[in-house]
Every structure is written in structure tokens, then in C-alpha cells.
Amino acid sequence: MKQIKISNIIVDVVRKDIKNMHLAVYPPTGRVRIAAPLRVNEDAIRLFAISKLDWIKRNQRKFENQERISPREYKERESHYFQGRRYLLRIKETVRAGRVDLKGKTYLDLYVRNNANLESRKRILKEWYRKELKKVLPELIEHWENKIGVKVDFWGVRQMKTKWGSCNVEQKRIWLNLELSKKPIHCIEYILVHEMIHLIERNHNDRFKSYMDSFLPNWKKFKDELSRIPVSHVYWSY
């Protein structure tokens, strides 16, 4: 990877076997990345970046202003999110294995042993989030496989620091960010559809956007909503 500087903005340049240049701005720092075809020289890349300078700055400002959640301490009455709803954490003591229970629309009860430290509490809640996200995905995947006309050979959930999801087109393998468990179901569905459409269009070009418009007409609304929802201090937008 190489870096170039445009108007005091550092741009990461990655060479790939692709046809067109692709630009992205990643929060929370506003990191700029251009994926460029192998045949394109540095002067052409610079001109491309300069032509997109207003767009880059606009997106950097948007991400800088996004509300962020401070690191969680997993203590009594701390706010935690699940499927887009805010819950208050209650710490409950148990002599059995740790678990998590939702109590109505207000409380998220975390059952832990008396001597459980922060890492233990974090691990139990993290695995609960993973289990809950995996509960909703099979039905969504089956629905969209039939609607889009594709087949997902493998899907999984893992923590990801740079994106909400990823797709390996050759292996038909999709990964979703564990943090999506905290977001509304329709936002989870938007990311899933986004990744599944990559199975018929690899790039974020006009054809890709046309598929998104066709299969999920409100996808731009869902994307904006996902960008507005408070995110963890270590997680980036999509």
C-alpha cells in the first residue's frame, strides 16, 4: 500500500486487478482509501482524488459528528443496545454459568458469579449477542437467496473493526459484524442484502446500486439510519 497527500489529506492507495477506481472514507478518523487498477499511474490517481475532494471532506465531517458510545464498563444501570433498543444493564449474581435475560423493554439482566471481573462480564454478553444475531440470520438469508436468486455457501458472525460485513464472491462466503446485533433488524437486513448482491455484482457500481434499488428500495434510508445510530468507540460505519 502506498500513500499520497492531497490538500493535507493522506490517501491510502491500494493496487488491485480491477477496471475502475473506487474511493472510500472510513470513520472515526476519516481515513481515505482509493483502490486503483494496476494499469493506472499515480498522476491519474491524484487527479481522481482532487476531483472528489469536496465529497471526501463532506464525508469526513459527517463521520466526525457521529455520536459515539464510550467504552462499556459492564456495571449496574449502564446503557446497552439490542436490536436498536436501549436497555439498562442489571447485574445479577448466580452460582451457575453466566447468562443474559431480557426483561421487558427496559432491562438487560446479566447473570454472573460473585467474583466475575470485567472481562468475564464482557465475554458473557458478547456471546449472547452472537447467539441472538445467529438466531435471526438463517430465515433472512433463505428469504433473500430466493428473492435475489443466489446461494450463500457459508455465513458467520465475527467482530470487525472496519466494516459491517464482507463477502468472498468466489467462495460465496459472507461475514457479518457482531455489532449488528445491537442494531435494528431492518439495518441488519440491509447489510445482508448488500453483501448478497455482491454475489451477482462484485463492485459498488451503477449496476450494484440498481440491484439495491430493485430488491431493497429503502436501502439508502436504512444506510443513513445505520450511520446515525450511536456506535461503539472502536467501530466504524459502513
C-alpha atoms as a PDB file:
ATOM      1  CA  MET A   1       0.000   0.000   0.000  1.00  0.00           C
ATOM      2  CA  LYS A   2       1.222   3.496  -0.874  1.00  0.00           C
ATOM      3  CA  GLN A   3       0.145   6.888   0.437  1.00  0.00           C
ATOM      4  CA  ILE A   4      -0.307  10.189  -1.388  1.00  0.00           C
ATOM      5  CA  LYS A   5      -1.147  13.610   0.017  1.00  0.00           C
ATOM      6  CA  ILE A   6      -3.939  15.788  -1.407  1.00  0.00           C
ATOM      7  CA  SER A   7      -4.680  19.155   0.224  1.00  0.00           C
ATOM      8  CA  ASN A   8      -3.309  17.997   3.612  1.00  0.00           C
ATOM      9  CA  ILE A   9      -5.329  14.787   3.386  1.00  0.00           C
ATOM     10  CA  ILE A  10      -3.450  11.494   3.418  1.00  0.00           C
ATOM     11  CA  VAL A  11      -4.857   8.969   0.951  1.00  0.00           C
ATOM     12  CA  ASP A  12      -4.080   5.260   1.135  1.00  0.00           C
ATOM     13  CA  VAL A  13      -3.698   3.778  -2.344  1.00  0.00           C
ATOM     14  CA  VAL A  14      -4.162   0.058  -2.925  1.00  0.00           C
ATOM     15  CA  ARG A  15      -3.481  -1.524  -6.307  1.00  0.00           C
ATOM     16  CA  LYS A  16      -5.928  -4.202  -7.435  1.00  0.00           C
ATOM     17  CA  ASP A  17      -6.854  -6.145 -10.541  1.00  0.00           C
ATOM     18  CA  ILE A  18      -9.988  -4.081 -11.158  1.00  0.00           C
ATOM     19  CA  LYS A  19     -11.354  -1.940 -14.006  1.00  0.00           C
ATOM     20  CA  ASN A  20     -12.207   1.319 -12.229  1.00  0.00           C
ATOM     21  CA  MET A  21     -11.015   3.356  -9.248  1.00  0.00           C
ATOM     22  CA  HIS A  22     -13.009   3.159  -6.020  1.00  0.00           C
ATOM     23  CA  LEU A  23     -12.963   5.727  -3.237  1.00  0.00           C
ATOM     24  CA  ALA A  24     -13.957   5.259   0.420  1.00  0.00           C
ATOM     25  CA  VAL A  25     -13.799   7.353   3.592  1.00  0.00           C
ATOM     26  CA  TYR A  26     -13.668   5.440   6.860  1.00  0.00           C
ATOM     27  CA  PRO A  27     -14.655   6.801  10.257  1.00  0.00           C
ATOM     28  CA  PRO A  28     -13.861   7.516  13.016  1.00  0.00           C
ATOM     29  CA  THR A  29     -10.652   9.191  11.795  1.00  0.00           C
ATOM     30  CA  GLY A  30     -11.834   9.936   8.258  1.00  0.00           C
ATOM     31  CA  ARG A  31      -9.204   7.684   6.691  1.00  0.00           C
ATOM     32  CA  VAL A  32      -9.324   7.888   2.890  1.00  0.00           C
ATOM     33  CA  ARG A  33      -8.647   4.886   0.672  1.00  0.00           C
ATOM     34  CA  ILE A  34      -8.526   4.551  -3.096  1.00  0.00           C
ATOM     35  CA  ALA A  35      -8.488   1.156  -4.794  1.00  0.00           C
ATOM     36  CA  ALA A  36      -6.870   1.673  -8.188  1.00  0.00           C
ATOM     37  CA  PRO A  37      -6.418  -0.597 -11.224  1.00  0.00           C
ATOM     38  CA  LEU A  38      -2.890  -1.897 -11.765  1.00  0.00           C
ATOM     39  CA  ARG A  39      -2.560  -0.019 -15.074  1.00  0.00           C
ATOM     40  CA  VAL A  40      -3.407   3.468 -13.668  1.00  0.00           C
ATOM     41  CA  ASN A  41      -0.442   5.751 -12.897  1.00  0.00           C
ATOM     42  CA  GLU A  42      -0.052   7.973  -9.832  1.00  0.00           C
ATOM     43  CA  ASP A  43      -0.893  11.189 -11.694  1.00  0.00           C
ATOM     44  CA  ALA A  44      -4.278   9.783 -12.692  1.00  0.00           C
ATOM     45  CA  ILE A  45      -4.924   8.713  -9.116  1.00  0.00           C
ATOM     46  CA  ARG A  46      -4.076  12.214  -7.864  1.00  0.00           C
ATOM     47  CA  LEU A  47      -6.434  13.817 -10.373  1.00  0.00           C
ATOM     48  CA  PHE A  48      -9.189  11.407  -9.336  1.00  0.00           C
ATOM     49  CA  ALA A  49      -8.671  12.251  -5.641  1.00  0.00           C
ATOM     50  CA  ILE A  50      -8.664  16.003  -6.349  1.00  0.00           C
ATOM     51  CA  SER A  51     -11.918  15.708  -8.308  1.00  0.00           C
ATOM     52  CA  LYS A  52     -13.508  14.017  -5.263  1.00  0.00           C
ATOM     53  CA  LEU A  53     -12.062  16.392  -2.657  1.00  0.00           C
ATOM     54  CA  ASP A  54     -15.388  18.033  -1.731  1.00  0.00           C
ATOM     55  CA  TRP A  55     -17.011  14.607  -1.324  1.00  0.00           C
ATOM     56  CA  ILE A  56     -14.127  13.419   0.855  1.00  0.00           C
ATOM     57  CA  LYS A  57     -14.328  16.432   3.171  1.00  0.00           C
ATOM     58  CA  ARG A  58     -18.117  16.210   3.408  1.00  0.00           C
ATOM     59  CA  ASN A  59     -17.973  12.568   4.465  1.00  0.00           C
ATOM     60  CA  GLN A  60     -15.168  13.192   6.936  1.00  0.00           C
ATOM     61  CA  ARG A  61     -17.284  15.862   8.637  1.00  0.00           C
ATOM     62  CA  LYS A  62     -20.283  13.523   8.750  1.00  0.00           C
ATOM     63  CA  PHE A  63     -18.338  10.774  10.471  1.00  0.00           C
ATOM     64  CA  GLU A  64     -16.628  13.167  12.870  1.00  0.00           C
ATOM     65  CA  ASN A  65     -20.043  14.352  14.057  1.00  0.00           C
ATOM     66  CA  GLN A  66     -21.453  10.867  14.599  1.00  0.00           C
ATOM     67  CA  GLU A  67     -22.317  10.136  18.205  1.00  0.00           C
ATOM     68  CA  ARG A  68     -20.100   7.503  19.820  1.00  0.00           C
ATOM     69  CA  ILE A  69     -20.582   5.314  22.821  1.00  0.00           C
ATOM     70  CA  SER A  70     -17.791   5.412  25.385  1.00  0.00           C
ATOM     71  CA  PRO A  71     -16.121   2.104  26.351  1.00  0.00           C
ATOM     72  CA  ARG A  72     -18.513  -0.054  28.369  1.00  0.00           C
ATOM     73  CA  GLU A  73     -17.696  -0.944  31.991  1.00  0.00           C
ATOM     74  CA  TYR A  74     -20.440  -3.599  32.331  1.00  0.00           C
ATOM     75  CA  LYS A  75     -21.746  -2.130  35.550  1.00  0.00           C
ATOM     76  CA  GLU A  76     -25.190  -1.633  37.080  1.00  0.00           C
ATOM     77  CA  ARG A  77     -27.626   0.557  35.091  1.00  0.00           C
ATOM     78  CA  GLU A  78     -25.203   1.072  32.227  1.00  0.00           C
ATOM     79  CA  SER A  79     -26.815   1.544  28.799  1.00  0.00           C
ATOM     80  CA  HIS A  80     -26.558  -1.284  26.291  1.00  0.00           C
ATOM     81  CA  TYR A  81     -28.307  -1.688  22.939  1.00  0.00           C
ATOM     82  CA  PHE A  82     -30.046  -4.691  21.408  1.00  0.00           C
ATOM     83  CA  GLN A  83     -31.820  -4.679  18.022  1.00  0.00           C
ATOM     84  CA  GLY A  84     -31.937  -0.892  18.056  1.00  0.00           C
ATOM     85  CA  ARG A  85     -33.441  -0.534  21.528  1.00  0.00           C
ATOM     86  CA  ARG A  86     -31.647   0.866  24.590  1.00  0.00           C
ATOM     87  CA  TYR A  87     -31.631  -1.280  27.748  1.00  0.00           C
ATOM     88  CA  LEU A  88     -30.339  -0.733  31.271  1.00  0.00           C
ATOM     89  CA  LEU A  89     -27.916  -3.381  32.476  1.00  0.00           C
ATOM     90  CA  ARG A  90     -28.660  -5.112  35.767  1.00  0.00           C
ATOM     91  CA  ILE A  91     -26.027  -7.319  37.353  1.00  0.00           C
ATOM     92  CA  LYS A  92     -27.436 -10.482  38.926  1.00  0.00           C
ATOM     93  CA  GLU A  93     -25.453 -12.990  40.963  1.00  0.00           C
ATOM     94  CA  THR A  94     -25.589 -16.697  40.130  1.00  0.00           C
ATOM     95  CA  VAL A  95     -23.660 -19.836  41.084  1.00  0.00           C
ATOM     96  CA  ARG A  96     -24.327 -21.338  37.655  1.00  0.00           C
ATOM     97  CA  ALA A  97     -22.931 -20.481  34.233  1.00  0.00           C
ATOM     98  CA  GLY A  98     -23.295 -16.846  33.233  1.00  0.00           C
ATOM     99  CA  ARG A  99     -26.258 -15.877  31.070  1.00  0.00           C
ATOM    100  CA  VAL A 100     -28.261 -12.908  29.806  1.00  0.00           C
ATOM    101  CA  ASP A 101     -32.015 -12.321  30.004  1.00  0.00           C
ATOM    102  CA  LEU A 102     -34.127  -9.509  28.563  1.00  0.00           C
ATOM    103  CA  LYS A 103     -36.720  -8.199  30.983  1.00  0.00           C
ATOM    104  CA  GLY A 104     -39.436  -6.401  29.095  1.00  0.00           C
ATOM    105  CA  LYS A 105     -38.412  -3.330  27.137  1.00  0.00           C
ATOM    106  CA  THR A 106     -36.232  -1.803  29.839  1.00  0.00           C
ATOM    107  CA  TYR A 107     -33.736  -4.162  31.422  1.00  0.00           C
ATOM    108  CA  LEU A 108     -30.984  -6.465  30.274  1.00  0.00           C
ATOM    109  CA  ASP A 109     -30.078  -8.794  33.152  1.00  0.00           C
ATOM    110  CA  LEU A 110     -26.534 -10.154  33.202  1.00  0.00           C
ATOM    111  CA  TYR A 111     -26.136 -13.166  35.493  1.00  0.00           C
ATOM    112  CA  VAL A 112     -22.551 -13.691  36.657  1.00  0.00           C
ATOM    113  CA  ARG A 113     -20.688 -15.273  39.537  1.00  0.00           C
ATOM    114  CA  ASN A 114     -19.861 -13.073  42.511  1.00  0.00           C
ATOM    115  CA  ASN A 115     -16.186 -12.742  41.591  1.00  0.00           C
ATOM    116  CA  ALA A 116     -16.700 -12.170  37.839  1.00  0.00           C
ATOM    117  CA  ASN A 117     -14.404  -9.426  36.524  1.00  0.00           C
ATOM    118  CA  LEU A 118     -14.990  -7.002  33.657  1.00  0.00           C
ATOM    119  CA  GLU A 119     -13.623  -9.395  31.027  1.00  0.00           C
ATOM    120  CA  SER A 120     -15.901 -12.198  32.194  1.00  0.00           C
ATOM    121  CA  ARG A 121     -18.952  -9.938  32.041  1.00  0.00           C
ATOM    122  CA  LYS A 122     -17.915  -8.696  28.618  1.00  0.00           C
ATOM    123  CA  ARG A 123     -17.396 -12.240  27.300  1.00  0.00           C
ATOM    124  CA  ILE A 124     -20.803 -13.467  28.508  1.00  0.00           C
ATOM    125  CA  LEU A 125     -22.636 -10.512  26.974  1.00  0.00           C
ATOM    126  CA  LYS A 126     -20.638 -10.783  23.747  1.00  0.00           C
ATOM    127  CA  GLU A 127     -21.541 -14.446  23.298  1.00  0.00           C
ATOM    128  CA  TRP A 128     -25.192 -13.647  23.976  1.00  0.00           C
ATOM    129  CA  TYR A 129     -25.109 -11.006  21.236  1.00  0.00           C
ATOM    130  CA  ARG A 130     -23.525 -13.548  18.876  1.00  0.00           C
ATOM    131  CA  LYS A 131     -26.178 -16.173  19.653  1.00  0.00           C
ATOM    132  CA  GLU A 132     -29.046 -13.691  19.182  1.00  0.00           C
ATOM    133  CA  LEU A 133     -27.714 -12.438  15.850  1.00  0.00           C
ATOM    134  CA  LYS A 134     -27.302 -16.008  14.622  1.00  0.00           C
ATOM    135  CA  LYS A 135     -30.947 -16.670  15.514  1.00  0.00           C
ATOM    136  CA  VAL A 136     -32.302 -14.111  13.043  1.00  0.00           C
ATOM    137  CA  LEU A 137     -29.907 -14.702  10.140  1.00  0.00           C
ATOM    138  CA  PRO A 138     -30.975 -18.115   8.736  1.00  0.00           C
ATOM    139  CA  GLU A 139     -34.516 -17.005   7.932  1.00  0.00           C
ATOM    140  CA  LEU A 140     -33.303 -13.725   6.426  1.00  0.00           C
ATOM    141  CA  ILE A 141     -30.677 -15.475   4.314  1.00  0.00           C
ATOM    142  CA  GLU A 142     -33.140 -18.038   2.997  1.00  0.00           C
ATOM    143  CA  HIS A 143     -35.642 -15.307   2.128  1.00  0.00           C
ATOM    144  CA  TRP A 144     -33.083 -13.261   0.195  1.00  0.00           C
ATOM    145  CA  GLU A 145     -31.491 -16.256  -1.501  1.00  0.00           C
ATOM    146  CA  ASN A 146     -34.877 -16.969  -3.069  1.00  0.00           C
ATOM    147  CA  LYS A 147     -35.560 -13.330  -3.902  1.00  0.00           C
ATOM    148  CA  ILE A 148     -32.145 -12.441  -5.346  1.00  0.00           C
ATOM    149  CA  GLY A 149     -31.507 -15.850  -6.878  1.00  0.00           C
ATOM    150  CA  VAL A 150     -28.163 -16.580  -5.230  1.00  0.00           C
ATOM    151  CA  LYS A 151     -26.814 -19.198  -2.844  1.00  0.00           C
ATOM    152  CA  VAL A 152     -24.744 -18.438   0.266  1.00  0.00           C
ATOM    153  CA  ASP A 153     -22.459 -21.419   0.912  1.00  0.00           C
ATOM    154  CA  PHE A 154     -21.233 -20.137   4.278  1.00  0.00           C
ATOM    155  CA  TRP A 155     -22.096 -17.326   6.659  1.00  0.00           C
ATOM    156  CA  GLY A 156     -20.710 -16.349  10.027  1.00  0.00           C
ATOM    157  CA  VAL A 157     -20.546 -13.663  12.705  1.00  0.00           C
ATOM    158  CA  ARG A 158     -17.356 -12.072  13.982  1.00  0.00           C
ATOM    159  CA  GLN A 159     -16.086  -8.782  15.340  1.00  0.00           C
ATOM    160  CA  MET A 160     -14.941  -6.496  12.552  1.00  0.00           C
ATOM    161  CA  LYS A 161     -13.325  -3.097  13.037  1.00  0.00           C
ATOM    162  CA  THR A 162     -13.604  -1.579   9.567  1.00  0.00           C
ATOM    163  CA  LYS A 163     -16.946  -2.635   8.095  1.00  0.00           C
ATOM    164  CA  TRP A 164     -20.373  -4.032   8.870  1.00  0.00           C
ATOM    165  CA  GLY A 165     -19.998  -7.019   6.585  1.00  0.00           C
ATOM    166  CA  SER A 166     -17.860  -8.709   3.946  1.00  0.00           C
ATOM    167  CA  CYS A 167     -18.353 -11.107   1.051  1.00  0.00           C
ATOM    168  CA  ASN A 168     -15.960 -13.552  -0.598  1.00  0.00           C
ATOM    169  CA  VAL A 169     -17.528 -13.865  -4.034  1.00  0.00           C
ATOM    170  CA  GLU A 170     -15.539 -16.903  -5.157  1.00  0.00           C
ATOM    171  CA  GLN A 171     -16.343 -18.932  -2.036  1.00  0.00           C
ATOM    172  CA  LYS A 172     -19.830 -17.438  -1.605  1.00  0.00           C
ATOM    173  CA  ARG A 173     -18.889 -16.720   1.989  1.00  0.00           C
ATOM    174  CA  ILE A 174     -20.448 -13.879   3.998  1.00  0.00           C
ATOM    175  CA  TRP A 175     -19.321 -12.482   7.351  1.00  0.00           C
ATOM    176  CA  LEU A 176     -21.405 -10.062   9.412  1.00  0.00           C
ATOM    177  CA  ASN A 177     -20.150  -7.806  12.180  1.00  0.00           C
ATOM    178  CA  LEU A 178     -21.117  -8.902  15.689  1.00  0.00           C
ATOM    179  CA  GLU A 179     -22.060  -5.279  16.435  1.00  0.00           C
ATOM    180  CA  LEU A 180     -25.069  -5.636  14.134  1.00  0.00           C
ATOM    181  CA  SER A 181     -26.829  -7.478  16.960  1.00  0.00           C
ATOM    182  CA  LYS A 182     -27.223  -4.058  18.579  1.00  0.00           C
ATOM    183  CA  LYS A 183     -28.864  -2.521  15.501  1.00  0.00           C
ATOM    184  CA  PRO A 184     -32.497  -2.665  14.261  1.00  0.00           C
ATOM    185  CA  ILE A 185     -33.479  -5.744  12.263  1.00  0.00           C
ATOM    186  CA  HIS A 186     -34.019  -3.749   9.071  1.00  0.00           C
ATOM    187  CA  CYS A 187     -30.449  -2.429   9.322  1.00  0.00           C
ATOM    188  CA  ILE A 188     -29.169  -5.997   9.698  1.00  0.00           C
ATOM    189  CA  GLU A 189     -31.213  -6.939   6.643  1.00  0.00           C
ATOM    190  CA  TYR A 190     -29.778  -4.018   4.659  1.00  0.00           C
ATOM    191  CA  ILE A 191     -26.204  -5.148   5.310  1.00  0.00           C
ATOM    192  CA  LEU A 192     -27.073  -8.756   4.490  1.00  0.00           C
ATOM    193  CA  VAL A 193     -28.713  -7.799   1.191  1.00  0.00           C
ATOM    194  CA  HIS A 194     -25.752  -5.567   0.375  1.00  0.00           C
ATOM    195  CA  GLU A 195     -23.343  -8.482   0.804  1.00  0.00           C
ATOM    196  CA  MET A 196     -25.556 -10.970  -1.049  1.00  0.00           C
ATOM    197  CA  ILE A 197     -25.856  -8.677  -4.059  1.00  0.00           C
ATOM    198  CA  HIS A 198     -22.070  -8.809  -4.311  1.00  0.00           C
ATOM    199  CA  LEU A 199     -22.588 -12.418  -5.398  1.00  0.00           C
ATOM    200  CA  ILE A 200     -24.038 -11.069  -8.662  1.00  0.00           C
ATOM    201  CA  GLU A 201     -22.086  -7.783  -8.830  1.00  0.00           C
ATOM    202  CA  ARG A 202     -18.666  -7.549  -7.231  1.00  0.00           C
ATOM    203  CA  ASN A 203     -18.210  -3.764  -7.431  1.00  0.00           C
ATOM    204  CA  HIS A 204     -20.125  -0.795  -5.998  1.00  0.00           C
ATOM    205  CA  ASN A 205     -21.033   0.481  -9.442  1.00  0.00           C
ATOM    206  CA  ASP A 206     -24.275   1.641 -11.049  1.00  0.00           C
ATOM    207  CA  ARG A 207     -25.312  -1.967 -11.680  1.00  0.00           C
ATOM    208  CA  PHE A 208     -24.869  -2.758  -7.995  1.00  0.00           C
ATOM    209  CA  LYS A 209     -26.932   0.271  -6.969  1.00  0.00           C
ATOM    210  CA  SER A 210     -29.619  -0.701  -9.482  1.00  0.00           C
ATOM    211  CA  TYR A 211     -29.887  -4.127  -7.849  1.00  0.00           C
ATOM    212  CA  MET A 212     -30.132  -2.498  -4.418  1.00  0.00           C
ATOM    213  CA  ASP A 213     -32.900  -0.192  -5.668  1.00  0.00           C
ATOM    214  CA  SER A 214     -34.758  -3.144  -7.119  1.00  0.00           C
ATOM    215  CA  PHE A 215     -34.520  -5.562  -4.210  1.00  0.00           C
ATOM    216  CA  LEU A 216     -34.494  -3.111  -1.277  1.00  0.00           C
ATOM    217  CA  PRO A 217     -35.960   0.254  -2.393  1.00  0.00           C
ATOM    218  CA  ASN A 218     -35.434   1.856   1.048  1.00  0.00           C
ATOM    219  CA  TRP A 219     -31.772   0.846   1.333  1.00  0.00           C
ATOM    220  CA  LYS A 220     -30.486   4.425   1.323  1.00  0.00           C
ATOM    221  CA  LYS A 221     -32.790   5.281   4.220  1.00  0.00           C
ATOM    222  CA  PHE A 222     -31.542   2.242   6.145  1.00  0.00           C
ATOM    223  CA  LYS A 223     -27.935   3.147   5.367  1.00  0.00           C
ATOM    224  CA  ASP A 224     -28.436   6.678   6.689  1.00  0.00           C
ATOM    225  CA  GLU A 225     -30.160   5.327   9.791  1.00  0.00           C
ATOM    226  CA  LEU A 226     -27.277   2.963  10.469  1.00  0.00           C
ATOM    227  CA  SER A 227     -24.878   5.892  10.158  1.00  0.00           C
ATOM    228  CA  ARG A 228     -26.882   7.969  12.660  1.00  0.00           C
ATOM    229  CA  ILE A 229     -27.184   5.277  15.340  1.00  0.00           C
ATOM    230  CA  PRO A 230     -24.593   5.699  18.116  1.00  0.00           C
ATOM    231  CA  VAL A 231     -21.686   3.341  17.540  1.00  0.00           C
ATOM    232  CA  SER A 232     -19.005   1.887  19.746  1.00  0.00           C
ATOM    233  CA  HIS A 233     -15.851   3.950  20.065  1.00  0.00           C
ATOM    234  CA  VAL A 234     -13.921   1.267  18.166  1.00  0.00           C
ATOM    235  CA  TYR A 235     -16.394   0.530  15.378  1.00  0.00           C
ATOM    236  CA  TRP A 236     -16.673   2.229  12.029  1.00  0.00           C
ATOM    237  CA  SER A 237     -19.612   2.862   9.742  1.00  0.00           C
ATOM    238  CA  TYR A 238     -20.373   1.044   6.512  1.00  0.00           C
END
